[in-house]
Structures are given as structure tokens and as C-alpha cells.
Amino acid sequence: MEFENREEQFLHEHLFRHFKENKVEIASAITKLFPFLMSLRDRAFISEQMFDHLQEACRNLVPVNAVVYTVLSELERTFSLSLLDELFSRTNLTAYPDL
């Protein structure tokens, strides 16, 4: 990923670190898969295969927050500002007030 300037790079690194350090808190705030997981799939942040795997995990009684933490850990690899926009979208903030 290329950055226009040092400030942009610093901001990206700061946001990434904050995201990484707060994955548990984010996962704890997301109490149900809809709309979180569906919006990630619909916007191609996760594959259809990963989506199916995560839904199967919930059907097998893996707690939602553990599934969400798994998703966030995977998304950490390809972290972007557009991910943060989606994560903290109006829809998600409405669905998950603790987010």
C-alpha cells in the first residue's frame, strides 16, 4: 500500500494499531451475525467460503463473539480504511450500540 505522505502513513499505522488492540472489545460488541457478517460478504471483505464457514461455526454453537473475533483477525491481514468505514457504518452502529 502506498501513501501520499508521512501523515497519511502515520494515520494508517495508528488506526491499524488501534484496531488490532481493540479486537476483543469490537467482537464483544457484536452480538449477532446480521448485519455484520452479511455486509462484509456483500462488500467482498470476506469470501463466500469464509462466510459459509463462519455461519456453520455459529450453527455448531461457537459463540458469536468468538466467530467475530476470528473474522476480525482475518481482516487484520488486509486492513484498510474502507474496512473501518464498513465496520463502523451507520447500519452496524445502529445494530450494535456498544460498538
N, C-alpha and C. Protein backbone atom coordinates (compact mmCIF):
# COMPACT_ATOMS: atom_id res chain seq x y z
N MET A 1 0.84 -1.18 0.00
CA MET A 1 0.00 0.00 0.00
C MET A 1 0.89 1.24 0.00
N GLU A 2 0.63 2.13 -0.92
CA GLU A 2 1.39 3.37 -0.98
C GLU A 2 0.62 4.49 -0.32
N PHE A 3 1.37 5.38 0.30
CA PHE A 3 0.76 6.52 0.97
C PHE A 3 1.24 7.80 0.32
N GLU A 4 0.36 8.77 0.30
CA GLU A 4 0.68 10.07 -0.29
C GLU A 4 1.78 10.78 0.49
N ASN A 5 1.73 10.66 1.80
CA ASN A 5 2.71 11.38 2.62
C ASN A 5 2.88 10.68 3.97
N ARG A 6 3.79 11.21 4.75
CA ARG A 6 4.09 10.61 6.06
C ARG A 6 2.90 10.68 7.01
N GLU A 7 2.12 11.77 6.95
CA GLU A 7 0.97 11.90 7.83
C GLU A 7 -0.06 10.81 7.54
N GLU A 8 -0.27 10.55 6.26
CA GLU A 8 -1.22 9.52 5.87
C GLU A 8 -0.73 8.14 6.35
N GLN A 9 0.55 7.89 6.21
CA GLN A 9 1.12 6.63 6.68
C GLN A 9 1.00 6.52 8.20
N PHE A 10 1.28 7.60 8.91
CA PHE A 10 1.17 7.61 10.36
C PHE A 10 -0.26 7.34 10.80
N LEU A 11 -1.22 7.98 10.15
CA LEU A 11 -2.63 7.78 10.47
C LEU A 11 -3.02 6.32 10.25
N HIS A 12 -2.64 5.76 9.12
CA HIS A 12 -2.96 4.37 8.82
C HIS A 12 -2.37 3.45 9.88
N GLU A 13 -1.11 3.66 10.25
CA GLU A 13 -0.45 2.82 11.26
C GLU A 13 -1.13 2.96 12.62
N HIS A 14 -1.51 4.18 12.95
CA HIS A 14 -2.20 4.42 14.23
C HIS A 14 -3.56 3.72 14.26
N LEU A 15 -4.33 3.84 13.19
CA LEU A 15 -5.64 3.20 13.12
C LEU A 15 -5.52 1.68 13.13
N PHE A 16 -4.52 1.17 12.42
CA PHE A 16 -4.29 -0.28 12.42
C PHE A 16 -3.97 -0.78 13.83
N ARG A 17 -3.08 -0.10 14.51
CA ARG A 17 -2.71 -0.50 15.87
C ARG A 17 -3.93 -0.45 16.80
N HIS A 18 -4.72 0.60 16.66
CA HIS A 18 -5.92 0.74 17.49
C HIS A 18 -6.91 -0.40 17.20
N PHE A 19 -7.10 -0.71 15.93
CA PHE A 19 -7.97 -1.82 15.53
C PHE A 19 -7.46 -3.13 16.14
N LYS A 20 -6.17 -3.39 15.97
CA LYS A 20 -5.57 -4.63 16.46
C LYS A 20 -5.70 -4.76 17.98
N GLU A 21 -5.48 -3.67 18.69
CA GLU A 21 -5.53 -3.69 20.15
C GLU A 21 -6.95 -3.78 20.70
N ASN A 22 -7.94 -3.49 19.87
CA ASN A 22 -9.33 -3.45 20.34
C ASN A 22 -10.23 -4.50 19.71
N LYS A 23 -9.64 -5.54 19.13
CA LYS A 23 -10.45 -6.59 18.50
C LYS A 23 -11.38 -7.27 19.50
N VAL A 24 -10.91 -7.51 20.72
CA VAL A 24 -11.76 -8.17 21.72
C VAL A 24 -12.96 -7.30 22.03
N GLU A 25 -12.74 -6.01 22.22
CA GLU A 25 -13.84 -5.10 22.52
C GLU A 25 -14.83 -5.01 21.36
N ILE A 26 -14.31 -4.96 20.14
CA ILE A 26 -15.17 -4.90 18.96
C ILE A 26 -15.99 -6.18 18.87
N ALA A 27 -15.32 -7.32 19.01
CA ALA A 27 -16.02 -8.61 18.93
C ALA A 27 -17.07 -8.75 20.02
N SER A 28 -16.78 -8.23 21.20
CA SER A 28 -17.74 -8.31 22.30
C SER A 28 -18.98 -7.46 22.04
N ALA A 29 -18.83 -6.40 21.28
CA ALA A 29 -19.96 -5.51 21.00
C ALA A 29 -20.91 -6.08 19.93
N ILE A 30 -20.40 -6.99 19.12
CA ILE A 30 -21.21 -7.56 18.04
C ILE A 30 -21.86 -8.84 18.56
N THR A 31 -23.15 -8.77 18.79
CA THR A 31 -23.87 -9.84 19.49
C THR A 31 -24.65 -10.77 18.58
N LYS A 32 -24.75 -10.42 17.32
CA LYS A 32 -25.43 -11.28 16.35
C LYS A 32 -24.75 -11.09 14.99
N LEU A 33 -24.86 -12.09 14.14
CA LEU A 33 -24.13 -12.04 12.87
C LEU A 33 -24.72 -11.05 11.86
N PHE A 34 -26.04 -10.87 11.91
CA PHE A 34 -26.67 -9.93 10.98
C PHE A 34 -26.79 -8.57 11.64
N PRO A 35 -26.33 -7.54 10.98
CA PRO A 35 -25.90 -7.36 9.60
C PRO A 35 -24.38 -7.44 9.39
N PHE A 36 -23.61 -7.57 10.47
CA PHE A 36 -22.15 -7.50 10.38
C PHE A 36 -21.57 -8.44 9.33
N LEU A 37 -21.81 -9.72 9.48
CA LEU A 37 -21.19 -10.70 8.60
C LEU A 37 -21.68 -10.58 7.16
N MET A 38 -22.95 -10.31 6.99
CA MET A 38 -23.52 -10.21 5.65
C MET A 38 -22.94 -9.01 4.90
N SER A 39 -22.75 -7.90 5.60
CA SER A 39 -22.21 -6.72 4.91
C SER A 39 -20.75 -6.94 4.53
N LEU A 40 -20.00 -7.67 5.34
CA LEU A 40 -18.61 -7.98 4.97
C LEU A 40 -18.56 -8.85 3.72
N ARG A 41 -19.47 -9.81 3.65
CA ARG A 41 -19.53 -10.65 2.45
C ARG A 41 -20.00 -9.86 1.23
N ASP A 42 -21.04 -9.08 1.40
CA ASP A 42 -21.61 -8.33 0.29
C ASP A 42 -20.62 -7.33 -0.31
N ARG A 43 -19.71 -6.84 0.51
CA ARG A 43 -18.72 -5.86 0.04
C ARG A 43 -17.35 -6.49 -0.19
N ALA A 44 -17.33 -7.82 -0.24
CA ALA A 44 -16.14 -8.61 -0.60
C ALA A 44 -14.96 -8.46 0.37
N PHE A 45 -15.25 -8.16 1.63
CA PHE A 45 -14.19 -8.18 2.63
C PHE A 45 -13.88 -9.62 3.03
N ILE A 46 -14.90 -10.49 2.95
CA ILE A 46 -14.70 -11.92 3.18
C ILE A 46 -15.31 -12.68 2.01
N SER A 47 -14.78 -13.86 1.76
CA SER A 47 -15.27 -14.69 0.66
C SER A 47 -16.57 -15.40 1.04
N GLU A 48 -17.24 -15.89 0.04
CA GLU A 48 -18.45 -16.69 0.27
C GLU A 48 -18.09 -17.94 1.07
N GLN A 49 -16.94 -18.51 0.79
CA GLN A 49 -16.49 -19.71 1.52
C GLN A 49 -16.27 -19.40 3.00
N MET A 50 -15.63 -18.29 3.30
CA MET A 50 -15.41 -17.91 4.69
C MET A 50 -16.75 -17.61 5.36
N PHE A 51 -17.62 -16.93 4.66
CA PHE A 51 -18.96 -16.63 5.18
C PHE A 51 -19.67 -17.92 5.59
N ASP A 52 -19.66 -18.91 4.69
CA ASP A 52 -20.32 -20.19 4.99
C ASP A 52 -19.66 -20.88 6.18
N HIS A 53 -18.35 -20.85 6.24
CA HIS A 53 -17.62 -21.47 7.35
C HIS A 53 -18.00 -20.81 8.68
N LEU A 54 -18.09 -19.50 8.70
CA LEU A 54 -18.41 -18.78 9.93
C LEU A 54 -19.85 -19.04 10.37
N GLN A 55 -20.75 -19.10 9.41
CA GLN A 55 -22.14 -19.41 9.76
C GLN A 55 -22.25 -20.82 10.31
N GLU A 56 -21.50 -21.74 9.72
CA GLU A 56 -21.50 -23.12 10.22
C GLU A 56 -20.96 -23.17 11.65
N ALA A 57 -19.94 -22.38 11.94
CA ALA A 57 -19.38 -22.34 13.30
C ALA A 57 -20.47 -21.92 14.29
N CYS A 58 -21.26 -20.93 13.93
CA CYS A 58 -22.34 -20.49 14.83
C CYS A 58 -23.41 -21.57 14.97
N ARG A 59 -23.72 -22.26 13.89
CA ARG A 59 -24.69 -23.36 13.99
C ARG A 59 -24.16 -24.46 14.90
N ASN A 60 -22.84 -24.58 14.98
CA ASN A 60 -22.21 -25.56 15.86
C ASN A 60 -21.97 -25.00 17.26
N LEU A 61 -22.67 -23.91 17.56
CA LEU A 61 -22.69 -23.30 18.89
C LEU A 61 -21.39 -22.61 19.31
N VAL A 62 -20.55 -22.25 18.34
CA VAL A 62 -19.42 -21.39 18.66
C VAL A 62 -20.02 -20.01 18.97
N PRO A 63 -19.65 -19.40 20.09
CA PRO A 63 -20.23 -18.09 20.45
C PRO A 63 -20.00 -17.04 19.36
N VAL A 64 -20.99 -16.19 19.17
CA VAL A 64 -20.91 -15.16 18.13
C VAL A 64 -19.66 -14.30 18.31
N ASN A 65 -19.35 -13.90 19.53
CA ASN A 65 -18.18 -13.04 19.71
C ASN A 65 -16.88 -13.75 19.33
N ALA A 66 -16.79 -15.06 19.50
CA ALA A 66 -15.61 -15.81 19.06
C ALA A 66 -15.54 -15.86 17.54
N VAL A 67 -16.68 -16.02 16.89
CA VAL A 67 -16.73 -16.01 15.43
C VAL A 67 -16.31 -14.63 14.91
N VAL A 68 -16.83 -13.59 15.52
CA VAL A 68 -16.49 -12.22 15.10
C VAL A 68 -15.00 -11.96 15.30
N TYR A 69 -14.45 -12.42 16.40
CA TYR A 69 -13.02 -12.23 16.65
C TYR A 69 -12.20 -12.93 15.55
N THR A 70 -12.63 -14.10 15.14
CA THR A 70 -11.95 -14.81 14.05
C THR A 70 -11.98 -13.99 12.77
N VAL A 71 -13.13 -13.41 12.47
CA VAL A 71 -13.27 -12.56 11.28
C VAL A 71 -12.33 -11.36 11.38
N LEU A 72 -12.34 -10.70 12.52
CA LEU A 72 -11.50 -9.51 12.69
C LEU A 72 -10.02 -9.86 12.58
N SER A 73 -9.62 -11.00 13.09
CA SER A 73 -8.23 -11.43 12.98
C SER A 73 -7.86 -11.67 11.52
N GLU A 74 -8.77 -12.24 10.77
CA GLU A 74 -8.52 -12.45 9.35
C GLU A 74 -8.45 -11.12 8.60
N LEU A 75 -9.33 -10.20 8.93
CA LEU A 75 -9.35 -8.90 8.26
C LEU A 75 -8.14 -8.04 8.63
N GLU A 76 -7.54 -8.34 9.74
CA GLU A 76 -6.33 -7.62 10.15
C GLU A 76 -5.23 -7.75 9.09
N ARG A 77 -5.20 -8.89 8.40
CA ARG A 77 -4.18 -9.15 7.37
C ARG A 77 -4.29 -8.19 6.19
N THR A 78 -5.50 -7.75 5.90
CA THR A 78 -5.72 -6.86 4.75
C THR A 78 -6.34 -5.55 5.21
N PHE A 79 -5.98 -5.10 6.39
CA PHE A 79 -6.55 -3.90 7.00
C PHE A 79 -6.55 -2.72 6.03
N SER A 80 -7.67 -2.01 6.03
CA SER A 80 -7.80 -0.80 5.21
C SER A 80 -8.78 0.16 5.86
N LEU A 81 -8.71 1.39 5.43
CA LEU A 81 -9.65 2.39 5.95
C LEU A 81 -11.08 2.06 5.51
N SER A 82 -11.23 1.45 4.34
CA SER A 82 -12.57 1.08 3.89
C SER A 82 -13.18 0.00 4.80
N LEU A 83 -12.33 -0.84 5.38
CA LEU A 83 -12.82 -1.81 6.36
C LEU A 83 -13.38 -1.09 7.57
N LEU A 84 -12.67 -0.09 8.06
CA LEU A 84 -13.17 0.68 9.21
C LEU A 84 -14.47 1.38 8.87
N ASP A 85 -14.58 1.92 7.66
CA ASP A 85 -15.82 2.55 7.23
C ASP A 85 -16.98 1.56 7.31
N GLU A 86 -16.73 0.34 6.87
CA GLU A 86 -17.78 -0.68 6.90
C GLU A 86 -18.07 -1.12 8.33
N LEU A 87 -17.04 -1.37 9.08
CA LEU A 87 -17.20 -1.83 10.46
C LEU A 87 -18.01 -0.85 11.29
N PHE A 88 -17.74 0.44 11.10
CA PHE A 88 -18.42 1.48 11.88
C PHE A 88 -19.47 2.22 11.05
N SER A 89 -20.08 1.50 10.12
CA SER A 89 -21.14 2.09 9.31
C SER A 89 -22.36 2.40 10.17
N ARG A 90 -23.21 3.24 9.66
CA ARG A 90 -24.45 3.59 10.37
C ARG A 90 -25.27 2.34 10.69
N THR A 91 -25.33 1.41 9.75
CA THR A 91 -26.09 0.18 9.95
C THR A 91 -25.54 -0.61 11.14
N ASN A 92 -24.21 -0.78 11.18
CA ASN A 92 -23.62 -1.53 12.28
C ASN A 92 -23.72 -0.78 13.61
N LEU A 93 -23.54 0.52 13.58
CA LEU A 93 -23.66 1.28 14.82
C LEU A 93 -25.08 1.25 15.37
N THR A 94 -26.06 1.18 14.49
CA THR A 94 -27.45 1.05 14.93
C THR A 94 -27.72 -0.34 15.49
N ALA A 95 -27.21 -1.35 14.80
CA ALA A 95 -27.44 -2.74 15.21
C ALA A 95 -26.68 -3.12 16.48
N TYR A 96 -25.51 -2.47 16.66
CA TYR A 96 -24.65 -2.81 17.79
C TYR A 96 -24.28 -1.54 18.54
N PRO A 97 -25.14 -1.04 19.39
CA PRO A 97 -24.91 0.25 20.07
C PRO A 97 -23.62 0.31 20.89
N ASP A 98 -23.11 -0.83 21.35
CA ASP A 98 -21.88 -0.83 22.13
C ASP A 98 -20.63 -0.73 21.27
N LEU A 99 -20.81 -0.78 19.96
CA LEU A 99 -19.68 -0.71 19.04
C LEU A 99 -19.07 0.68 19.09
